[in-house]
């Protein structure tokens, strides 16, 4: 494991959303920066990756706020990277067994499975899901060029050279707690 002390910072960026994200973040004392204009698909993610790197992060974990993945698994996502076992860890809704019941629309599920099958063939991998909103990256992967935002797919693993793994990113019990508001 890396020998130096680390710290954790929670940051969020929001563009043109019309929900209560800004008010909630302020109430929770979460650092929030609001883009003045919509930066397009993945703009927020790119900003977060770049900011984390500029602050010296060794591991960057991205979690979409759509309640499809379990935030309490963040340490499990980061640990294999901290110990030098993997460069990228993807949290899979498929391995957890509840992608559909967790809110993934049928068509999105079918397309996700088809794309994953194709990507596994192309990249010679056996992952359950590439297009997930739960991803952890070693700094060296992000420094080598920011990953594609839409699917954390093969391009960010640089032709198969990166050590890549996946673990269940959600399960039924976790989703039940999230939907009922039991956030801890």
C-alpha atoms as a PDB file:
ATOM      1  CA  UNK A   1       0.000   0.000   0.000  1.00  0.00           C
ATOM      2  CA  UNK A   2       1.225   3.506  -0.614  1.00  0.00           C
ATOM      3  CA  UNK A   3       3.100   4.724   2.408  1.00  0.00           C
ATOM      4  CA  UNK A   4       2.056   8.355   2.578  1.00  0.00           C
ATOM      5  CA  UNK A   5      -1.016   9.641   4.361  1.00  0.00           C
ATOM      6  CA  UNK A   6      -3.984  10.431   2.231  1.00  0.00           C
ATOM      7  CA  UNK A   7      -7.018  12.591   2.580  1.00  0.00           C
ATOM      8  CA  UNK A   8     -10.441  12.444   1.109  1.00  0.00           C
ATOM      9  CA  UNK A   9     -12.322  15.260  -0.517  1.00  0.00           C
ATOM     10  CA  UNK A  10     -15.860  15.147  -1.751  1.00  0.00           C
ATOM     11  CA  UNK A  11     -16.459  17.411  -4.688  1.00  0.00           C
ATOM     12  CA  UNK A  12     -19.370  17.841  -6.982  1.00  0.00           C
ATOM     13  CA  UNK A  13     -19.872  19.842 -10.130  1.00  0.00           C
ATOM     14  CA  UNK A  14     -23.229  20.644 -11.593  1.00  0.00           C
ATOM     15  CA  UNK A  15     -24.148  22.360 -14.797  1.00  0.00           C
ATOM     16  CA  UNK A  16     -27.651  23.301 -15.744  1.00  0.00           C
ATOM     17  CA  UNK A  17     -29.680  20.971 -13.555  1.00  0.00           C
ATOM     18  CA  UNK A  18     -32.892  22.382 -12.127  1.00  0.00           C
ATOM     19  CA  UNK A  19     -33.086  20.181  -9.029  1.00  0.00           C
ATOM     20  CA  UNK A  20     -31.995  20.846  -5.428  1.00  0.00           C
ATOM     21  CA  UNK A  21     -28.396  19.673  -5.828  1.00  0.00           C
ATOM     22  CA  UNK A  22     -26.845  23.047  -4.988  1.00  0.00           C
ATOM     23  CA  UNK A  23     -28.949  23.557  -1.848  1.00  0.00           C
ATOM     24  CA  UNK A  24     -28.350  20.003  -0.620  1.00  0.00           C
ATOM     25  CA  UNK A  25     -24.583  20.215  -1.226  1.00  0.00           C
ATOM     26  CA  UNK A  26     -24.383  23.500   0.664  1.00  0.00           C
ATOM     27  CA  UNK A  27     -26.372  22.040   3.570  1.00  0.00           C
ATOM     28  CA  UNK A  28     -23.995  19.036   3.716  1.00  0.00           C
ATOM     29  CA  UNK A  29     -20.872  21.228   3.375  1.00  0.00           C
ATOM     30  CA  UNK A  30     -19.876  19.430   0.187  1.00  0.00           C
ATOM     31  CA  UNK A  31     -17.628  21.457  -2.057  1.00  0.00           C
ATOM     32  CA  UNK A  32     -19.719  22.430  -5.035  1.00  0.00           C
ATOM     33  CA  UNK A  33     -18.757  24.243  -8.173  1.00  0.00           C
ATOM     34  CA  UNK A  34     -21.293  25.139 -10.735  1.00  0.00           C
ATOM     35  CA  UNK A  35     -20.315  25.400 -14.384  1.00  0.00           C
ATOM     36  CA  UNK A  36     -21.605  28.557 -15.961  1.00  0.00           C
ATOM     37  CA  UNK A  37     -22.600  26.684 -19.095  1.00  0.00           C
ATOM     38  CA  UNK A  38     -23.275  23.108 -20.078  1.00  0.00           C
ATOM     39  CA  UNK A  39     -19.948  21.524 -21.042  1.00  0.00           C
ATOM     40  CA  UNK A  40     -21.580  18.711 -22.963  1.00  0.00           C
ATOM     41  CA  UNK A  41     -21.608  14.994 -22.363  1.00  0.00           C
ATOM     42  CA  UNK A  42     -19.169  14.106 -19.606  1.00  0.00           C
ATOM     43  CA  UNK A  43     -18.062  17.671 -18.955  1.00  0.00           C
ATOM     44  CA  UNK A  44     -18.594  17.368 -15.217  1.00  0.00           C
ATOM     45  CA  UNK A  45     -16.664  14.101 -15.050  1.00  0.00           C
ATOM     46  CA  UNK A  46     -13.725  15.560 -16.930  1.00  0.00           C
ATOM     47  CA  UNK A  47     -13.642  18.543 -14.575  1.00  0.00           C
ATOM     48  CA  UNK A  48     -13.715  16.265 -11.536  1.00  0.00           C
ATOM     49  CA  UNK A  49     -10.925  14.017 -12.877  1.00  0.00           C
ATOM     50  CA  UNK A  50      -8.735  17.004 -13.723  1.00  0.00           C
ATOM     51  CA  UNK A  51      -9.334  18.641 -10.340  1.00  0.00           C
ATOM     52  CA  UNK A  52      -8.596  15.442  -8.426  1.00  0.00           C
ATOM     53  CA  UNK A  53      -5.315  15.032 -10.314  1.00  0.00           C
ATOM     54  CA  UNK A  54      -4.343  18.669  -9.715  1.00  0.00           C
ATOM     55  CA  UNK A  55      -4.901  18.107  -5.970  1.00  0.00           C
ATOM     56  CA  UNK A  56      -2.574  15.114  -5.982  1.00  0.00           C
ATOM     57  CA  UNK A  57      -5.106  12.277  -5.757  1.00  0.00           C
ATOM     58  CA  UNK A  58      -3.577   8.829  -6.186  1.00  0.00           C
ATOM     59  CA  UNK A  59      -6.959   7.160  -6.694  1.00  0.00           C
ATOM     60  CA  UNK A  60     -10.057   8.783  -8.153  1.00  0.00           C
ATOM     61  CA  UNK A  61     -13.466   7.182  -7.665  1.00  0.00           C
ATOM     62  CA  UNK A  62     -16.438   8.376  -9.683  1.00  0.00           C
ATOM     63  CA  UNK A  63     -19.954   7.508  -8.518  1.00  0.00           C
ATOM     64  CA  UNK A  64     -23.054   8.647 -10.391  1.00  0.00           C
ATOM     65  CA  UNK A  65     -25.743   9.973  -8.045  1.00  0.00           C
ATOM     66  CA  UNK A  66     -28.507   7.838  -9.583  1.00  0.00           C
ATOM     67  CA  UNK A  67     -28.776   5.346  -6.690  1.00  0.00           C
ATOM     68  CA  UNK A  68     -27.928   2.391  -8.926  1.00  0.00           C
ATOM     69  CA  UNK A  69     -24.665   1.706  -7.089  1.00  0.00           C
ATOM     70  CA  UNK A  70     -23.680   1.334  -3.447  1.00  0.00           C
ATOM     71  CA  UNK A  71     -21.547   4.201  -2.076  1.00  0.00           C
ATOM     72  CA  UNK A  72     -20.464   2.120   0.935  1.00  0.00           C
ATOM     73  CA  UNK A  73     -18.354   0.018  -1.456  1.00  0.00           C
ATOM     74  CA  UNK A  74     -16.040   2.946  -2.207  1.00  0.00           C
ATOM     75  CA  UNK A  75     -13.216   1.569  -0.055  1.00  0.00           C
ATOM     76  CA  UNK A  76     -13.567  -1.847  -1.704  1.00  0.00           C
ATOM     77  CA  UNK A  77     -13.297  -0.120  -5.082  1.00  0.00           C
ATOM     78  CA  UNK A  78     -10.196   1.887  -4.132  1.00  0.00           C
ATOM     79  CA  UNK A  79      -8.291  -0.719  -2.087  1.00  0.00           C
ATOM     80  CA  UNK A  80      -7.102  -2.913  -5.008  1.00  0.00           C
ATOM     81  CA  UNK A  81      -5.712   0.221  -6.655  1.00  0.00           C
ATOM     82  CA  UNK A  82      -4.059   1.475  -3.446  1.00  0.00           C
ATOM     83  CA  UNK A  83      -2.362  -1.909  -3.006  1.00  0.00           C
ATOM     84  CA  UNK A  84      -1.151  -1.935  -6.614  1.00  0.00           C
ATOM     85  CA  UNK A  85      -3.242  -4.929  -7.662  1.00  0.00           C
ATOM     86  CA  UNK A  86      -5.333  -3.141 -10.320  1.00  0.00           C
ATOM     87  CA  UNK A  87      -5.219   0.137 -12.225  1.00  0.00           C
ATOM     88  CA  UNK A  88      -8.977   0.390 -12.822  1.00  0.00           C
ATOM     89  CA  UNK A  89     -11.892  -1.099 -10.871  1.00  0.00           C
ATOM     90  CA  UNK A  90     -15.424  -0.949 -12.222  1.00  0.00           C
ATOM     91  CA  UNK A  91     -18.469  -1.358  -9.993  1.00  0.00           C
ATOM     92  CA  UNK A  92     -20.900  -3.614 -11.798  1.00  0.00           C
ATOM     93  CA  UNK A  93     -24.662  -3.483 -11.461  1.00  0.00           C
ATOM     94  CA  UNK A  94     -24.770  -6.774 -13.353  1.00  0.00           C
ATOM     95  CA  UNK A  95     -22.656  -8.729 -10.827  1.00  0.00           C
ATOM     96  CA  UNK A  96     -24.880  -7.475  -8.020  1.00  0.00           C
ATOM     97  CA  UNK A  97     -27.802  -9.194  -9.689  1.00  0.00           C
ATOM     98  CA  UNK A  98     -30.188  -6.288  -9.640  1.00  0.00           C
ATOM     99  CA  UNK A  99     -29.530  -3.983 -12.563  1.00  0.00           C
ATOM    100  CA  UNK A 100     -33.110  -4.101 -13.783  1.00  0.00           C
ATOM    101  CA  UNK A 101     -34.745  -3.936 -10.361  1.00  0.00           C
ATOM    102  CA  UNK A 102     -32.361  -1.120  -9.456  1.00  0.00           C
ATOM    103  CA  UNK A 103     -33.890   1.144 -12.065  1.00  0.00           C
ATOM    104  CA  UNK A 104     -32.092   0.313 -15.309  1.00  0.00           C
ATOM    105  CA  UNK A 105     -34.640   0.529 -18.150  1.00  0.00           C
ATOM    106  CA  UNK A 106     -35.076  -2.628 -20.234  1.00  0.00           C
ATOM    107  CA  UNK A 107     -33.702  -1.118 -23.463  1.00  0.00           C
ATOM    108  CA  UNK A 108     -30.680   0.330 -21.668  1.00  0.00           C
ATOM    109  CA  UNK A 109     -30.050  -3.075 -20.084  1.00  0.00           C
ATOM    110  CA  UNK A 110     -30.172  -4.857 -23.465  1.00  0.00           C
ATOM    111  CA  UNK A 111     -27.876  -2.285 -25.092  1.00  0.00           C
ATOM    112  CA  UNK A 112     -25.501  -2.425 -22.101  1.00  0.00           C
ATOM    113  CA  UNK A 113     -25.262  -6.218 -22.359  1.00  0.00           C
ATOM    114  CA  UNK A 114     -24.721  -6.099 -26.139  1.00  0.00           C
ATOM    115  CA  UNK A 115     -22.025  -3.421 -25.908  1.00  0.00           C
ATOM    116  CA  UNK A 116     -20.312  -5.290 -23.088  1.00  0.00           C
ATOM    117  CA  UNK A 117     -20.302  -8.501 -25.131  1.00  0.00           C
ATOM    118  CA  UNK A 118     -18.760  -6.662 -28.109  1.00  0.00           C
ATOM    119  CA  UNK A 119     -16.177  -4.869 -25.959  1.00  0.00           C
ATOM    120  CA  UNK A 120     -15.158  -8.114 -24.266  1.00  0.00           C
ATOM    121  CA  UNK A 121     -14.517  -9.593 -27.703  1.00  0.00           C
ATOM    122  CA  UNK A 122     -12.537  -6.587 -28.903  1.00  0.00           C
ATOM    123  CA  UNK A 123     -10.512  -6.078 -25.722  1.00  0.00           C
ATOM    124  CA  UNK A 124     -10.223  -9.783 -24.889  1.00  0.00           C
ATOM    125  CA  UNK A 125     -11.661  -9.305 -21.425  1.00  0.00           C
ATOM    126  CA  UNK A 126     -14.396 -10.998 -19.420  1.00  0.00           C
ATOM    127  CA  UNK A 127     -16.036  -8.081 -17.665  1.00  0.00           C
ATOM    128  CA  UNK A 128     -19.687  -8.004 -16.686  1.00  0.00           C
ATOM    129  CA  UNK A 129     -20.148  -4.315 -17.506  1.00  0.00           C
ATOM    130  CA  UNK A 130     -18.135  -1.450 -18.969  1.00  0.00           C
ATOM    131  CA  UNK A 131     -20.849   1.224 -18.968  1.00  0.00           C
ATOM    132  CA  UNK A 132     -21.150   1.847 -15.271  1.00  0.00           C
ATOM    133  CA  UNK A 133     -21.439   4.964 -13.161  1.00  0.00           C
ATOM    134  CA  UNK A 134     -19.069   3.540 -10.544  1.00  0.00           C
ATOM    135  CA  UNK A 135     -15.395   3.629 -11.522  1.00  0.00           C
ATOM    136  CA  UNK A 136     -12.087   3.860  -9.700  1.00  0.00           C
ATOM    137  CA  UNK A 137      -8.872   4.861 -11.443  1.00  0.00           C
ATOM    138  CA  UNK A 138      -5.225   4.930 -10.523  1.00  0.00           C
ATOM    139  CA  UNK A 139      -3.744   8.350 -11.107  1.00  0.00           C
ATOM    140  CA  UNK A 140      -1.393   7.008 -13.799  1.00  0.00           C
ATOM    141  CA  UNK A 141      -4.373   5.909 -15.931  1.00  0.00           C
ATOM    142  CA  UNK A 142      -5.963   9.341 -15.768  1.00  0.00           C
ATOM    143  CA  UNK A 143      -2.633  11.097 -16.369  1.00  0.00           C
ATOM    144  CA  UNK A 144      -2.197   9.102 -19.546  1.00  0.00           C
ATOM    145  CA  UNK A 145      -5.306  10.691 -21.016  1.00  0.00           C
ATOM    146  CA  UNK A 146      -8.715  11.060 -19.477  1.00  0.00           C
ATOM    147  CA  UNK A 147     -10.941   8.023 -19.921  1.00  0.00           C
ATOM    148  CA  UNK A 148     -13.962   8.188 -22.149  1.00  0.00           C
ATOM    149  CA  UNK A 149     -16.831   9.355 -20.002  1.00  0.00           C
ATOM    150  CA  UNK A 150     -19.657   7.374 -21.505  1.00  0.00           C
ATOM    151  CA  UNK A 151     -18.484   3.924 -20.726  1.00  0.00           C
ATOM    152  CA  UNK A 152     -15.144   3.645 -18.963  1.00  0.00           C
ATOM    153  CA  UNK A 153     -14.414   1.313 -21.810  1.00  0.00           C
ATOM    154  CA  UNK A 154     -11.368  -0.117 -23.491  1.00  0.00           C
ATOM    155  CA  UNK A 155      -9.779   3.168 -24.494  1.00  0.00           C
ATOM    156  CA  UNK A 156      -8.967   4.007 -20.883  1.00  0.00           C
ATOM    157  CA  UNK A 157      -7.336   0.653 -20.382  1.00  0.00           C
ATOM    158  CA  UNK A 158      -5.002   1.562 -23.225  1.00  0.00           C
ATOM    159  CA  UNK A 159      -5.218  -1.410 -25.481  1.00  0.00           C
ATOM    160  CA  UNK A 160      -5.509  -3.935 -22.682  1.00  0.00           C
ATOM    161  CA  UNK A 161      -2.292  -2.954 -20.906  1.00  0.00           C
ATOM    162  CA  UNK A 162      -3.990  -1.670 -17.760  1.00  0.00           C
ATOM    163  CA  UNK A 163      -4.880  -4.093 -15.006  1.00  0.00           C
ATOM    164  CA  UNK A 164      -8.648  -3.992 -14.859  1.00  0.00           C
ATOM    165  CA  UNK A 165     -11.174  -5.645 -12.577  1.00  0.00           C
ATOM    166  CA  UNK A 166     -14.788  -5.373 -11.560  1.00  0.00           C
ATOM    167  CA  UNK A 167     -16.779  -6.063  -8.437  1.00  0.00           C
ATOM    168  CA  UNK A 168     -20.447  -5.938  -7.544  1.00  0.00           C
ATOM    169  CA  UNK A 169     -21.372  -2.271  -7.359  1.00  0.00           C
ATOM    170  CA  UNK A 170     -24.844  -2.752  -5.949  1.00  0.00           C
ATOM    171  CA  UNK A 171     -27.246  -5.313  -4.601  1.00  0.00           C
ATOM    172  CA  UNK A 172     -30.900  -5.486  -3.696  1.00  0.00           C
ATOM    173  CA  UNK A 173     -30.447  -4.741   0.010  1.00  0.00           C
ATOM    174  CA  UNK A 174     -28.338  -1.675  -0.731  1.00  0.00           C
ATOM    175  CA  UNK A 175     -30.839  -0.353  -3.227  1.00  0.00           C
ATOM    176  CA  UNK A 176     -33.718  -0.854  -0.805  1.00  0.00           C
ATOM    177  CA  UNK A 177     -31.901   1.268   1.768  1.00  0.00           C
ATOM    178  CA  UNK A 178     -31.017   3.948  -0.759  1.00  0.00           C
ATOM    179  CA  UNK A 179     -34.544   4.272  -2.078  1.00  0.00           C
ATOM    180  CA  UNK A 180     -35.979   4.547   1.422  1.00  0.00           C
ATOM    181  CA  UNK A 181     -33.551   7.346   2.282  1.00  0.00           C
ATOM    182  CA  UNK A 182     -31.330   5.341   4.626  1.00  0.00           C
ATOM    183  CA  UNK A 183     -28.083   7.038   3.566  1.00  0.00           C
ATOM    184  CA  UNK A 184     -25.251   6.746   6.041  1.00  0.00           C
END
